[in-house]
Amino acid sequence: MTVSAIREVPGDLEMISGTRAVLEMLGRKWSVEVVYLLATGTRRYNQVLYEVGEISKKTLTQTLRSLEHDGLVARRVRLDAPGRVEYSLTPLGWSITGPLMAMYEWAAQHLSVRAQPDPRGF
C-alpha cells in the first residue's frame, strides 16, 4: 500500500464543518423537496412549481438558484423552444440522494416512536 492510498482520518472540526455545510445546503426551506423531485427526472420550471406544492414563484426561483450555485442542480435552456428551461440533478446532486435516503430511513425508524405521546405524560 502506498502512502497516497492511505486516507487521512478527518478530525472532529473537519467533520463538524463538512456536516454543517451539507445541512446548510439542504436545510433551506424547499431544498430537500426539490432534490427529491428532481431525483425522479428532469423537470421544467412550471412542473417543479406544480409538483413541489405550496411554494411561491419567488421562493422556487431562489431555491433553484441556490441549489444551482451549490452545484446540486443544473439549469438548461432549451434552444429548440424559446423560454423553455429544464432543471435536473448534477452528479453531485445525485450523490446526495443516498445520504438523504439514509436520513429518511433513520427518521422512519426512530422518529415514529418519538411522535407518539409518552405514557408518563412527558
N, C-alpha and C. Protein backbone atom coordinates (compact mmCIF):
# COMPACT_ATOMS: atom_id res chain seq x y z
N MET A 1 0.85 -1.17 0.00
CA MET A 1 0.00 0.00 0.00
C MET A 1 0.90 1.23 0.00
N THR A 2 0.56 2.17 -0.89
CA THR A 2 1.36 3.39 -0.97
C THR A 2 0.84 4.42 0.02
N VAL A 3 1.67 5.42 0.25
CA VAL A 3 1.29 6.49 1.17
C VAL A 3 0.05 7.21 0.64
N SER A 4 -0.05 7.38 -0.68
CA SER A 4 -1.21 8.09 -1.24
C SER A 4 -2.50 7.28 -1.10
N ALA A 5 -2.38 5.97 -0.91
CA ALA A 5 -3.57 5.13 -0.78
C ALA A 5 -4.15 5.19 0.64
N ILE A 6 -3.36 5.67 1.59
CA ILE A 6 -3.84 5.76 2.97
C ILE A 6 -4.62 7.06 3.11
N ARG A 7 -5.84 6.94 3.50
CA ARG A 7 -6.70 8.11 3.65
C ARG A 7 -6.58 8.64 5.07
N GLU A 8 -6.36 9.93 5.15
CA GLU A 8 -6.24 10.55 6.46
C GLU A 8 -7.61 10.61 7.13
N VAL A 9 -7.65 10.26 8.39
CA VAL A 9 -8.89 10.31 9.15
C VAL A 9 -9.18 11.77 9.47
N PRO A 10 -10.39 12.23 9.14
CA PRO A 10 -10.70 13.64 9.42
C PRO A 10 -10.81 13.90 10.91
N GLY A 11 -10.43 15.10 11.30
CA GLY A 11 -10.55 15.49 12.70
C GLY A 11 -11.97 15.92 13.01
N ASP A 12 -12.24 16.11 14.28
CA ASP A 12 -13.58 16.50 14.72
C ASP A 12 -14.04 17.78 14.06
N LEU A 13 -13.20 18.81 14.02
CA LEU A 13 -13.59 20.09 13.44
C LEU A 13 -13.88 19.97 11.95
N GLU A 14 -13.10 19.15 11.26
CA GLU A 14 -13.33 18.94 9.83
C GLU A 14 -14.67 18.22 9.60
N MET A 15 -14.96 17.24 10.43
CA MET A 15 -16.22 16.52 10.30
C MET A 15 -17.40 17.44 10.61
N ILE A 16 -17.29 18.24 11.65
CA ILE A 16 -18.35 19.17 12.01
C ILE A 16 -18.56 20.19 10.90
N SER A 17 -17.48 20.73 10.39
CA SER A 17 -17.56 21.75 9.33
C SER A 17 -18.21 21.18 8.07
N GLY A 18 -17.80 20.00 7.67
CA GLY A 18 -18.37 19.37 6.47
C GLY A 18 -19.84 19.04 6.64
N THR A 19 -20.19 18.50 7.80
CA THR A 19 -21.59 18.17 8.06
C THR A 19 -22.45 19.42 8.09
N ARG A 20 -21.96 20.46 8.74
CA ARG A 20 -22.70 21.72 8.83
C ARG A 20 -22.92 22.32 7.44
N ALA A 21 -21.91 22.23 6.57
CA ALA A 21 -22.04 22.77 5.21
C ALA A 21 -23.15 22.06 4.44
N VAL A 22 -23.22 20.74 4.57
CA VAL A 22 -24.27 19.98 3.89
C VAL A 22 -25.64 20.31 4.47
N LEU A 23 -25.73 20.39 5.79
CA LEU A 23 -27.01 20.73 6.41
C LEU A 23 -27.47 22.12 6.04
N GLU A 24 -26.55 23.05 5.88
CA GLU A 24 -26.92 24.40 5.45
C GLU A 24 -27.46 24.39 4.02
N MET A 25 -26.83 23.60 3.14
CA MET A 25 -27.31 23.49 1.76
C MET A 25 -28.72 22.93 1.71
N LEU A 26 -28.93 21.85 2.42
CA LEU A 26 -30.21 21.15 2.36
C LEU A 26 -31.22 21.66 3.38
N GLY A 27 -30.76 22.46 4.32
CA GLY A 27 -31.63 22.96 5.36
C GLY A 27 -32.48 24.14 4.94
N ARG A 28 -32.17 24.71 3.79
CA ARG A 28 -33.01 25.80 3.29
C ARG A 28 -34.39 25.25 2.97
N LYS A 29 -35.39 26.06 3.26
CA LYS A 29 -36.76 25.62 3.01
C LYS A 29 -36.92 25.23 1.55
N TRP A 30 -37.52 24.12 1.29
CA TRP A 30 -37.85 23.56 -0.02
C TRP A 30 -36.69 22.86 -0.73
N SER A 31 -35.48 22.95 -0.23
CA SER A 31 -34.34 22.32 -0.93
C SER A 31 -34.49 20.81 -1.02
N VAL A 32 -34.86 20.18 0.09
CA VAL A 32 -35.00 18.72 0.08
C VAL A 32 -36.12 18.29 -0.87
N GLU A 33 -37.22 19.03 -0.85
CA GLU A 33 -38.34 18.70 -1.73
C GLU A 33 -37.93 18.78 -3.20
N VAL A 34 -37.18 19.81 -3.56
CA VAL A 34 -36.75 19.98 -4.95
C VAL A 34 -35.76 18.89 -5.34
N VAL A 35 -34.83 18.56 -4.46
CA VAL A 35 -33.86 17.50 -4.76
C VAL A 35 -34.58 16.16 -4.93
N TYR A 36 -35.49 15.82 -4.02
CA TYR A 36 -36.24 14.57 -4.16
C TYR A 36 -37.03 14.55 -5.48
N LEU A 37 -37.67 15.65 -5.83
CA LEU A 37 -38.44 15.71 -7.07
C LEU A 37 -37.54 15.51 -8.28
N LEU A 38 -36.41 16.21 -8.32
CA LEU A 38 -35.51 16.10 -9.47
C LEU A 38 -34.82 14.74 -9.53
N ALA A 39 -34.80 14.02 -8.42
CA ALA A 39 -34.24 12.67 -8.44
C ALA A 39 -35.12 11.73 -9.25
N THR A 40 -36.36 12.12 -9.49
CA THR A 40 -37.25 11.29 -10.31
C THR A 40 -37.18 11.67 -11.78
N GLY A 41 -36.42 12.72 -12.12
CA GLY A 41 -36.25 13.08 -13.51
C GLY A 41 -36.20 14.58 -13.74
N THR A 42 -35.77 14.95 -14.93
CA THR A 42 -35.67 16.35 -15.33
C THR A 42 -37.06 16.98 -15.37
N ARG A 43 -37.13 18.22 -14.95
CA ARG A 43 -38.42 18.93 -14.93
C ARG A 43 -38.25 20.35 -15.47
N ARG A 44 -39.33 20.85 -16.08
CA ARG A 44 -39.39 22.25 -16.45
C ARG A 44 -39.78 23.04 -15.20
N TYR A 45 -39.54 24.35 -15.24
CA TYR A 45 -39.81 25.21 -14.09
C TYR A 45 -41.25 25.04 -13.60
N ASN A 46 -42.23 25.14 -14.51
CA ASN A 46 -43.63 25.06 -14.09
C ASN A 46 -43.99 23.67 -13.53
N GLN A 47 -43.32 22.64 -14.00
CA GLN A 47 -43.55 21.31 -13.45
C GLN A 47 -43.06 21.26 -12.00
N VAL A 48 -41.88 21.82 -11.76
CA VAL A 48 -41.35 21.86 -10.39
C VAL A 48 -42.30 22.65 -9.50
N LEU A 49 -42.75 23.80 -10.00
CA LEU A 49 -43.66 24.66 -9.24
C LEU A 49 -44.93 23.90 -8.87
N TYR A 50 -45.51 23.20 -9.82
CA TYR A 50 -46.75 22.46 -9.59
C TYR A 50 -46.54 21.26 -8.68
N GLU A 51 -45.46 20.51 -8.91
CA GLU A 51 -45.26 19.25 -8.18
C GLU A 51 -44.73 19.43 -6.77
N VAL A 52 -43.98 20.51 -6.54
CA VAL A 52 -43.47 20.73 -5.18
C VAL A 52 -44.61 21.11 -4.26
N GLY A 53 -45.52 21.91 -4.75
CA GLY A 53 -46.68 22.24 -3.93
C GLY A 53 -46.75 23.70 -3.57
N GLU A 54 -47.03 23.98 -2.34
CA GLU A 54 -47.31 25.33 -1.89
C GLU A 54 -46.04 26.16 -1.75
N ILE A 55 -45.51 26.56 -2.87
CA ILE A 55 -44.30 27.37 -2.90
C ILE A 55 -44.55 28.52 -3.87
N SER A 56 -44.07 29.70 -3.51
CA SER A 56 -44.25 30.84 -4.41
C SER A 56 -43.21 30.78 -5.53
N LYS A 57 -43.48 31.47 -6.61
CA LYS A 57 -42.54 31.50 -7.73
C LYS A 57 -41.21 32.10 -7.29
N LYS A 58 -41.28 33.15 -6.48
CA LYS A 58 -40.06 33.80 -6.00
C LYS A 58 -39.22 32.84 -5.17
N THR A 59 -39.86 32.12 -4.25
CA THR A 59 -39.14 31.19 -3.40
C THR A 59 -38.57 30.03 -4.21
N LEU A 60 -39.34 29.51 -5.18
CA LEU A 60 -38.83 28.43 -6.01
C LEU A 60 -37.62 28.91 -6.81
N THR A 61 -37.70 30.10 -7.36
CA THR A 61 -36.57 30.64 -8.12
C THR A 61 -35.34 30.76 -7.23
N GLN A 62 -35.51 31.26 -6.02
CA GLN A 62 -34.39 31.40 -5.09
C GLN A 62 -33.83 30.02 -4.72
N THR A 63 -34.71 29.06 -4.50
CA THR A 63 -34.27 27.72 -4.14
C THR A 63 -33.49 27.08 -5.28
N LEU A 64 -34.01 27.17 -6.50
CA LEU A 64 -33.31 26.59 -7.65
C LEU A 64 -31.96 27.27 -7.87
N ARG A 65 -31.92 28.58 -7.73
CA ARG A 65 -30.65 29.30 -7.89
C ARG A 65 -29.64 28.88 -6.84
N SER A 66 -30.08 28.72 -5.60
CA SER A 66 -29.18 28.29 -4.53
C SER A 66 -28.65 26.89 -4.79
N LEU A 67 -29.53 25.98 -5.18
CA LEU A 67 -29.11 24.61 -5.46
C LEU A 67 -28.19 24.57 -6.67
N GLU A 68 -28.44 25.43 -7.65
CA GLU A 68 -27.56 25.51 -8.81
C GLU A 68 -26.20 26.07 -8.39
N HIS A 69 -26.20 27.10 -7.57
CA HIS A 69 -24.95 27.69 -7.08
C HIS A 69 -24.14 26.67 -6.28
N ASP A 70 -24.82 25.82 -5.51
CA ASP A 70 -24.15 24.79 -4.72
C ASP A 70 -23.67 23.61 -5.56
N GLY A 71 -24.08 23.58 -6.83
CA GLY A 71 -23.65 22.50 -7.72
C GLY A 71 -24.52 21.27 -7.69
N LEU A 72 -25.68 21.35 -7.04
CA LEU A 72 -26.56 20.18 -6.94
C LEU A 72 -27.55 20.08 -8.09
N VAL A 73 -27.89 21.22 -8.69
CA VAL A 73 -28.89 21.27 -9.75
C VAL A 73 -28.29 21.94 -10.98
N ALA A 74 -28.62 21.42 -12.14
CA ALA A 74 -28.20 22.02 -13.41
C ALA A 74 -29.41 22.66 -14.08
N ARG A 75 -29.21 23.84 -14.61
CA ARG A 75 -30.25 24.57 -15.34
C ARG A 75 -29.86 24.54 -16.80
N ARG A 76 -30.80 24.13 -17.65
CA ARG A 76 -30.50 24.03 -19.09
C ARG A 76 -31.57 24.78 -19.87
N VAL A 77 -31.13 25.75 -20.65
CA VAL A 77 -32.05 26.49 -21.52
C VAL A 77 -32.15 25.72 -22.82
N ARG A 78 -33.37 25.36 -23.20
CA ARG A 78 -33.60 24.61 -24.43
C ARG A 78 -33.62 25.57 -25.61
N LEU A 79 -32.75 25.34 -26.58
CA LEU A 79 -32.68 26.19 -27.75
C LEU A 79 -33.79 25.90 -28.75
N ASP A 80 -34.33 24.68 -28.70
CA ASP A 80 -35.39 24.31 -29.64
C ASP A 80 -36.75 24.91 -29.26
N ALA A 81 -36.86 25.39 -28.04
CA ALA A 81 -38.12 26.00 -27.58
C ALA A 81 -37.76 27.25 -26.77
N PRO A 82 -37.89 28.42 -27.35
CA PRO A 82 -37.51 29.65 -26.65
C PRO A 82 -38.24 29.79 -25.31
N GLY A 83 -37.47 30.18 -24.31
CA GLY A 83 -38.04 30.36 -22.99
C GLY A 83 -38.22 29.08 -22.18
N ARG A 84 -37.89 27.96 -22.76
CA ARG A 84 -38.05 26.69 -22.06
C ARG A 84 -36.76 26.36 -21.30
N VAL A 85 -36.91 26.19 -19.99
CA VAL A 85 -35.77 25.89 -19.13
C VAL A 85 -36.06 24.59 -18.40
N GLU A 86 -35.05 23.75 -18.31
CA GLU A 86 -35.19 22.48 -17.61
C GLU A 86 -34.19 22.41 -16.46
N TYR A 87 -34.58 21.70 -15.43
CA TYR A 87 -33.72 21.51 -14.26
C TYR A 87 -33.53 20.02 -14.02
N SER A 88 -32.32 19.65 -13.64
CA SER A 88 -32.02 18.26 -13.33
C SER A 88 -30.91 18.24 -12.28
N LEU A 89 -30.75 17.08 -11.67
CA LEU A 89 -29.66 16.93 -10.71
C LEU A 89 -28.34 16.76 -11.44
N THR A 90 -27.30 17.34 -10.88
CA THR A 90 -25.95 17.13 -11.38
C THR A 90 -25.43 15.83 -10.76
N PRO A 91 -24.26 15.37 -11.17
CA PRO A 91 -23.69 14.19 -10.49
C PRO A 91 -23.52 14.44 -8.98
N LEU A 92 -23.17 15.66 -8.61
CA LEU A 92 -23.06 16.00 -7.18
C LEU A 92 -24.43 15.91 -6.52
N GLY A 93 -25.46 16.39 -7.20
CA GLY A 93 -26.82 16.31 -6.69
C GLY A 93 -27.27 14.86 -6.51
N TRP A 94 -26.92 14.03 -7.50
CA TRP A 94 -27.27 12.61 -7.39
C TRP A 94 -26.56 11.97 -6.21
N SER A 95 -25.33 12.42 -5.94
CA SER A 95 -24.56 11.80 -4.86
C SER A 95 -25.16 12.10 -3.48
N ILE A 96 -25.97 13.14 -3.36
CA ILE A 96 -26.58 13.46 -2.07
C ILE A 96 -27.87 12.67 -1.83
N THR A 97 -28.42 12.03 -2.87
CA THR A 97 -29.67 11.30 -2.69
C THR A 97 -29.50 10.08 -1.78
N GLY A 98 -28.35 9.45 -1.81
CA GLY A 98 -28.09 8.31 -0.92
C GLY A 98 -28.14 8.72 0.55
N PRO A 99 -27.38 9.74 0.94
CA PRO A 99 -27.47 10.21 2.33
C PRO A 99 -28.87 10.71 2.70
N LEU A 100 -29.59 11.33 1.76
CA LEU A 100 -30.96 11.76 2.05
C LEU A 100 -31.85 10.56 2.35
N MET A 101 -31.70 9.50 1.58
CA MET A 101 -32.49 8.29 1.83
C MET A 101 -32.12 7.67 3.17
N ALA A 102 -30.83 7.70 3.50
CA ALA A 102 -30.41 7.17 4.80
C ALA A 102 -31.02 7.99 5.93
N MET A 103 -31.11 9.31 5.76
CA MET A 103 -31.74 10.16 6.77
C MET A 103 -33.23 9.83 6.88
N TYR A 104 -33.88 9.62 5.74
CA TYR A 104 -35.30 9.25 5.76
C TYR A 104 -35.49 7.93 6.51
N GLU A 105 -34.65 6.94 6.19
CA GLU A 105 -34.79 5.63 6.82
C GLU A 105 -34.56 5.73 8.32
N TRP A 106 -33.59 6.55 8.73
CA TRP A 106 -33.35 6.76 10.15
C TRP A 106 -34.58 7.40 10.79
N ALA A 107 -35.13 8.42 10.14
CA ALA A 107 -36.32 9.11 10.67
C ALA A 107 -37.50 8.15 10.77
N ALA A 108 -37.70 7.33 9.74
CA ALA A 108 -38.82 6.38 9.76
C ALA A 108 -38.68 5.39 10.91
N GLN A 109 -37.46 5.03 11.21
CA GLN A 109 -37.23 4.05 12.27
C GLN A 109 -37.29 4.68 13.66
N HIS A 110 -36.76 5.88 13.81
CA HIS A 110 -36.61 6.45 15.15
C HIS A 110 -37.61 7.53 15.51
N LEU A 111 -38.07 8.29 14.55
CA LEU A 111 -38.95 9.40 14.88
C LEU A 111 -40.39 8.99 15.05
N SER A 112 -40.78 7.86 14.51
CA SER A 112 -42.16 7.40 14.69
C SER A 112 -42.42 7.07 16.15
N VAL A 113 -41.42 6.59 16.84
CA VAL A 113 -41.55 6.31 18.27
C VAL A 113 -41.69 7.61 19.04
N ARG A 114 -40.91 8.61 18.66
CA ARG A 114 -40.92 9.90 19.34
C ARG A 114 -42.23 10.66 19.12
N ALA A 115 -42.87 10.43 17.97
CA ALA A 115 -44.10 11.14 17.64
C ALA A 115 -45.28 10.69 18.50
N GLN A 116 -45.19 9.51 19.09
CA GLN A 116 -46.27 9.01 19.92
C GLN A 116 -46.17 9.65 21.31
N PRO A 117 -47.31 9.95 21.93
CA PRO A 117 -47.27 10.56 23.26
C PRO A 117 -46.62 9.64 24.28
N ASP A 118 -45.86 10.22 25.16
CA ASP A 118 -45.22 9.47 26.22
C ASP A 118 -46.28 9.06 27.24
N PRO A 119 -46.39 7.75 27.58
CA PRO A 119 -47.42 7.31 28.51
C PRO A 119 -47.24 7.91 29.91
N ARG A 120 -46.04 8.40 30.21
CA ARG A 120 -45.79 9.02 31.51
C ARG A 120 -46.26 10.46 31.57
N GLY A 121 -46.72 10.98 30.41
CA GLY A 121 -47.20 12.36 30.38
C GLY A 121 -46.14 13.39 30.07
N PHE A 122 -44.96 12.97 29.67
CA PHE A 122 -43.88 13.92 29.35
C PHE A 122 -43.94 14.33 27.91
